[in-house]
Amino acid sequence: MAGIALLIGFFFIVKFFLKSYSNFAIQEAIGKAGLLFNTISLLLYAIGLKKIGFQAVEEMTVSYGVLFDRSYPRLVGLLQDPNLYVFYNSLFFAYFLTNMTNWRNKIGFALCMFTTVLTFSRGGILAMLIIILTYMVICNSSTRRRTMTTMGLIFIAAGYIAVFIMKINIGGLLTGRITDFSNDGGSGRFELWGRAWEYFLAHPVIGIGADNFIEYNKVYYGESLYTHNTLLQILSESGLVGLCLYLLFLLLVLVHLMKRHVIKEHPYLLLSFLAFLMQIMSLSLIIHEVFILYLAILSVTLQRAENVHFEQKQKVATIQLTT
């Protein structure tokens, strides 16, 4: 409860400071932070590979920005988990994708693409592919052509760097990662989801209690593991009451994002939210600092858009009354 209160306080503090800056300044900060985050993470990954090579002695070995997980050199960069890396990177990825109007943002998008693939996160890579396809649908034809051309060049350049410079067999590793899905049950996720469903059936209304899945899992199965599915975690820990409230919250956010002026002027906010929704299906992220930061940016941006819309309506009403 103290942690949740701390993050809620973080939301209001960040929102208070963001109100002092324009939307342009906020987006510039997102672009610069994304460039720095991905550049440093990629450098740490390269240093880790150079130090250990492509074969670690022990599983789950971490060297600078690389984690060796079942012989896969997975990028973790500045974080500790490759799946969470994609979640952190979602806001940057969506921003660069929808703002490839200058070289900085094109380079930023290339870095985001490269680091996302190097995490070998199946859910994360799928989420990024879906938001790219979504953007291709909602953008106009000229933007679509420009974006597809830029992405093609980026794919060629990134592939050349990975294969010929960094000596990484991206194709083979990705193919093996996808093949493993049928053998490892989604890294054991399917079994964990089954356990969450069992806890829900035993306590369907209010669940087993907040953050208790790990404790139940430890007692009954001897494993301290998360659910790896936010909706199932809420369902098992808070029952139908908690899940309905959480889904209502997500629905209200989505309704605001689907407004025409938001999709037209700030498409990165919609795409980021869609990426978050897809990733919570394989991650336990009921409350997370990156999502709180996103909500603060979204709140300030929507509030300004509503104020502009209200002022325009007032001007129209005044002109009509004068006439």
Foldseek 3Di string as FASTA:
>chain_A
DVVVVVLVVVLVVLLVVCLVDDLVVVLVVLLVVLLVQLVQQVVQLLVQCVVQNQAHPDAQDDGRQFGQHVSQTAGNRPHSALLVVLLLNLLLLLSLLVPVPDPSSLVSNLSNLLNNLRRLQPLSVVLSVVLNVVCLVLDDPVSNVVSVVSVVVSVVVSVCCVCPPSVHPSVVSNVVSVVCCVVCVSVCLVVLLVVLVVLCVVPAAQAPAPPCSQVVCCVPPVGRDDNQAQLSNQCRHGHPVRSVVLVVVLVVLQVLCPDPVNCVPPVSLVSSSSSNVSRNRRHHPPDDSSVSSSVSSVVSVSVVVVVVVVVVVVVVVVVVVVD
